[in-house]
Protein backbone atom coordinates (compact mmCIF):
# COMPACT_ATOMS: atom_id res chain seq x y z
CA MET A 1 109.19 127.12 91.90
CA PRO A 2 109.26 123.90 89.66
CA THR A 3 106.83 121.18 90.42
CA PRO A 4 108.73 118.12 91.84
CA PRO A 5 108.49 114.96 89.76
CA LEU A 6 105.83 112.39 91.01
CA LYS A 7 106.43 108.64 91.81
CA ALA A 8 103.72 105.91 91.73
CA VAL A 9 103.60 103.00 93.90
CA THR A 10 104.89 100.45 91.43
CA LEU A 11 103.06 97.52 92.94
CA THR A 12 99.53 98.98 92.09
CA HIS A 13 100.54 101.28 89.29
CA VAL A 14 99.48 99.03 86.28
CA ARG A 15 98.79 100.50 82.79
CA TYR A 16 97.71 98.80 79.45
CA THR A 17 96.80 100.02 75.99
CA ARG A 18 93.22 101.48 75.86
CA GLY A 19 91.23 98.88 73.98
CA ASP A 20 93.51 95.97 74.55
CA ARG A 21 91.15 93.21 76.27
CA LEU A 22 94.14 91.07 76.66
CA GLY A 23 96.13 93.73 78.32
CA HIS A 24 93.28 94.64 80.46
CA PHE A 25 93.02 90.95 81.65
CA LEU A 26 96.74 90.82 82.28
CA ALA A 27 96.76 93.96 84.05
CA TRP A 28 94.47 92.63 86.53
CA ILE A 29 96.62 89.30 86.66
CA SER A 30 99.41 91.63 87.51
CA LEU A 31 97.68 92.69 90.57
CA VAL A 32 97.38 89.01 92.04
CA PRO A 33 100.15 89.55 94.44
CA VAL A 34 98.23 92.59 95.93
CA PHE A 35 95.22 90.35 96.25
CA ILE A 36 97.11 87.65 97.98
CA SER A 37 98.80 89.88 100.49
CA LEU A 38 95.61 91.91 101.31
CA GLY A 39 92.78 89.34 100.75
CA GLY A 40 94.57 86.50 101.61
CA PHE A 41 97.17 86.75 104.25
CA ILE A 42 95.46 89.58 106.25
CA SER A 43 91.96 87.56 106.15
CA HIS A 44 93.82 84.41 107.19
CA PHE A 45 95.35 86.12 110.18
CA LEU A 46 92.16 87.77 111.26
CA PHE A 47 90.09 84.54 111.04
CA ARG A 48 92.70 81.79 111.69
CA ARG A 49 95.94 83.08 113.28
CA GLU A 50 97.84 80.28 112.03
CA LEU A 51 101.54 80.35 112.58
CA GLN A 52 102.33 78.24 109.45
CA ALA A 53 100.71 81.16 107.28
CA MET A 54 102.35 83.96 109.27
CA PHE A 55 105.74 82.66 108.48
CA PHE A 56 104.70 82.10 104.90
CA ALA A 57 103.89 85.94 104.73
CA LEU A 58 107.08 86.78 106.62
CA GLY A 59 108.97 84.85 103.99
CA LEU A 60 107.31 86.71 101.16
CA ILE A 61 108.23 89.95 102.83
CA LEU A 62 111.76 89.02 103.05
CA SER A 63 111.91 87.65 99.52
CA GLN A 64 110.45 91.43 98.36
CA PHE A 65 113.35 92.82 100.66
CA ILE A 66 115.92 90.64 98.93
CA ASN A 67 114.60 91.74 95.59
CA GLU A 68 114.78 95.42 96.57
CA LEU A 69 118.27 94.94 97.67
CA ILE A 70 119.33 93.13 94.36
CA LYS A 71 117.57 95.86 92.19
CA THR A 72 119.45 98.72 93.98
CA SER A 73 122.66 96.71 93.70
CA VAL A 74 122.53 95.68 89.88
CA GLU A 75 120.71 98.86 88.89
CA GLN A 76 119.48 97.19 85.52
CA ALA A 77 117.01 99.49 83.59
CA ARG A 78 113.57 98.37 82.59
CA PRO A 79 112.69 98.25 78.98
CA GLU A 80 112.27 101.35 76.79
CA THR A 81 108.47 101.18 77.34
CA CYS A 82 109.11 102.33 80.86
CA ALA A 83 108.78 105.91 79.45
CA LEU A 84 105.29 105.65 78.56
CA LEU A 85 104.37 103.55 81.86
CA GLU A 86 106.25 106.16 83.89
CA THR A 87 108.48 103.45 85.65
CA CYS A 88 111.86 104.54 84.56
CA ASP A 89 112.78 105.72 88.05
CA SER A 90 112.83 102.11 89.35
CA HIS A 91 115.17 99.29 88.49
CA GLY A 92 113.72 96.16 86.57
CA TRP A 93 116.04 92.91 87.34
CA PRO A 94 114.83 90.84 88.93
CA SER A 95 111.14 91.27 88.53
CA SER A 96 109.35 91.48 92.11
CA HIS A 97 105.99 90.38 90.76
CA SER A 98 107.37 87.14 89.15
CA GLN A 99 109.55 86.39 92.37
CA TYR A 100 106.37 86.94 94.55
CA MET A 101 104.25 84.62 92.45
CA PHE A 102 106.94 81.87 92.10
CA PHE A 103 107.81 82.20 95.77
CA PHE A 104 104.18 81.74 96.60
CA ALA A 105 103.49 78.95 94.17
CA VAL A 106 106.52 76.81 95.54
CA TYR A 107 105.66 77.26 99.19
CA PHE A 108 102.11 76.56 98.80
CA THR A 109 102.76 73.36 96.67
CA LEU A 110 105.09 72.04 99.24
CA LEU A 111 102.57 72.84 102.19
CA THR A 112 100.02 70.89 99.98
CA TYR A 113 102.45 67.89 99.18
CA TYR A 114 103.32 67.51 102.69
CA LYS A 115 99.75 67.83 104.05
CA ILE A 116 100.50 70.74 106.29
CA GLY A 117 97.62 72.61 108.04
CA ILE A 118 94.24 72.44 106.29
CA LEU A 119 95.65 71.19 103.24
CA CYS A 120 95.92 67.62 101.70
CA ARG A 121 97.54 65.98 98.92
CA LYS A 122 94.61 65.37 96.93
CA GLN A 123 94.44 69.37 96.41
CA ILE A 124 97.58 69.07 94.60
CA PHE A 125 95.99 68.88 91.25
CA ALA A 126 93.97 72.18 91.99
CA VAL A 127 97.42 73.78 93.19
CA ALA A 128 98.67 72.74 89.54
CA LEU A 129 95.69 74.06 87.87
CA LEU A 130 95.43 77.44 89.38
CA VAL A 131 98.34 78.57 91.43
CA TRP A 132 101.20 77.65 88.81
CA PRO A 133 99.13 78.96 85.84
CA LEU A 134 98.53 82.37 87.78
CA ALA A 135 102.26 82.41 88.46
CA LEU A 136 103.12 82.02 84.71
CA LEU A 137 100.61 84.58 83.83
CA THR A 138 101.89 87.13 86.09
CA MET A 139 105.16 86.70 84.59
CA TYR A 140 103.81 86.89 81.13
CA SER A 141 101.79 89.93 82.08
CA ARG A 142 104.87 92.00 83.08
CA VAL A 143 106.61 91.49 79.91
CA TYR A 144 103.46 91.91 77.65
CA LEU A 145 102.47 95.23 79.51
CA GLY A 146 106.11 96.54 79.14
CA TYR A 147 107.29 96.58 82.63
CA HIS A 148 110.02 94.00 82.37
CA THR A 149 112.18 92.20 79.67
CA VAL A 150 112.06 88.50 79.50
CA ALA A 151 115.38 88.08 81.32
CA GLN A 152 114.15 90.14 84.24
CA VAL A 153 110.94 88.02 84.70
CA PHE A 154 112.87 84.89 84.33
CA ALA A 155 115.28 85.87 86.88
CA GLY A 156 112.69 86.96 89.23
CA ALA A 157 110.96 83.47 88.89
CA ALA A 158 114.24 81.65 89.45
CA LEU A 159 115.08 83.61 92.75
CA GLY A 160 111.35 83.03 93.73
CA LEU A 161 111.60 79.52 93.36
CA PHE A 162 114.78 79.25 95.06
CA LEU A 163 113.79 81.39 98.04
CA GLY A 164 110.43 79.79 98.41
CA GLY A 165 112.09 76.32 98.58
CA LEU A 166 114.79 77.53 101.12
CA TRP A 167 112.29 79.33 103.31
CA PHE A 168 109.95 76.39 103.43
CA TRP A 169 113.00 74.19 104.51
CA VAL A 170 114.13 76.85 107.17
CA VAL A 171 110.48 77.05 108.66
CA ASN A 172 109.56 73.27 108.68
CA SER A 173 113.01 71.95 109.63
CA GLY A 174 113.97 74.40 112.12
CA LEU A 175 111.61 77.24 113.08
CA ARG A 176 108.50 74.93 113.23
CA GLY A 177 110.08 73.62 116.67
CA TYR A 178 109.68 77.05 118.22
CA PHE A 179 105.98 77.16 117.25
CA PRO A 180 104.68 75.58 120.81
CA MET A 181 106.73 78.10 122.52
CA ILE A 182 105.14 81.00 120.39
CA GLU A 183 101.62 79.52 121.12
CA GLU A 184 102.25 79.78 124.96
CA SER A 185 103.89 83.29 124.70
CA VAL A 186 102.04 86.47 125.88
CA PHE A 187 101.85 87.33 122.20
CA GLY A 188 100.20 83.81 121.29
CA ARG A 189 97.76 84.00 124.23
CA ILE A 190 96.61 87.43 123.61
CA PHE A 191 96.16 87.25 119.78
CA TYR A 192 94.89 83.54 119.95
CA VAL A 193 97.88 82.37 117.73
CA LYS A 194 98.03 78.55 117.02
CA ASP A 195 99.75 75.98 115.10
CA THR A 196 97.54 73.10 113.65
CA SER A 197 100.30 71.61 111.36
CA HIS A 198 100.60 68.64 113.51
CA ILE A 199 96.90 67.64 113.00
CA PRO A 200 96.57 65.23 110.09
CA ASN A 201 92.80 66.60 109.19
CA VAL A 202 92.16 70.18 110.69
CA LEU A 203 88.69 70.51 108.98
CA LYS A 204 87.70 67.10 110.56
CA PHE A 205 89.29 68.10 113.90
CA GLU A 206 87.53 71.53 114.04
CA TYR A 207 84.25 70.08 112.88
CA GLU A 208 84.17 67.23 115.74
CA ASN A 209 85.34 69.71 118.35
CA ALA A 210 82.62 72.38 117.45
CA ARG A 211 79.88 69.64 117.45
CA SER A 212 81.13 68.17 120.67
CA ALA A 213 81.12 71.73 122.19
CA ARG A 214 77.50 72.15 120.93
CA ILE A 215 76.23 68.88 122.24
CA HIS A 216 77.91 69.62 125.56
CA ALA A 217 76.32 73.08 125.69
CA SER A 218 72.75 71.43 125.00
CA TYR A 219 73.20 69.15 127.94
CA LYS A 220 74.13 72.01 130.11
CA ARG A 221 70.90 74.01 129.33
CA ALA A 222 68.95 70.87 129.62
CA GLU A 223 70.30 70.66 133.19
């Protein structure tokens, strides 16, 4: 009985030429979407339970779903190097990595610009120097490592920019009005889900409330 062909999980199946230090570095850069999803959003949900971040993550999931729909509809092949990378069984247009990172970059930039949550406008320089270079490096890594053509990564980046801006508008112009209702729902109360986007300085607010609670607890013990 012939052995069935094996298929890799493309998001984590990253190869580079042995001995190529730049390729090694870009292979790790190519995994940034995984680090953001697992290390960023999951830890944020566990420790902060912010609705804005939940809808941010939901937008990224919807964006990737749209990416898969387009890929299966267009069915554009990856570059010829796909044979060495064992990725010829998946389609290449548009690049999902580029789409993910540019969606993340534009949404995060808009959150910072409009000072939503714990972000403030002073951090816009950090965003410009960290988030956008990571997005550009991820796009470049997919071409350098042979997973996509230049046209495929630019298509992914353009789609990510559009969907990121559109989703930000949908969330903060429409869905945000339902945040108080979600907070007061059974789900919100069980999981301590909250929205702090209406608080001008969340860090200061949390600090002052924590300090006030500590002082109050000290008085109670003294009694």
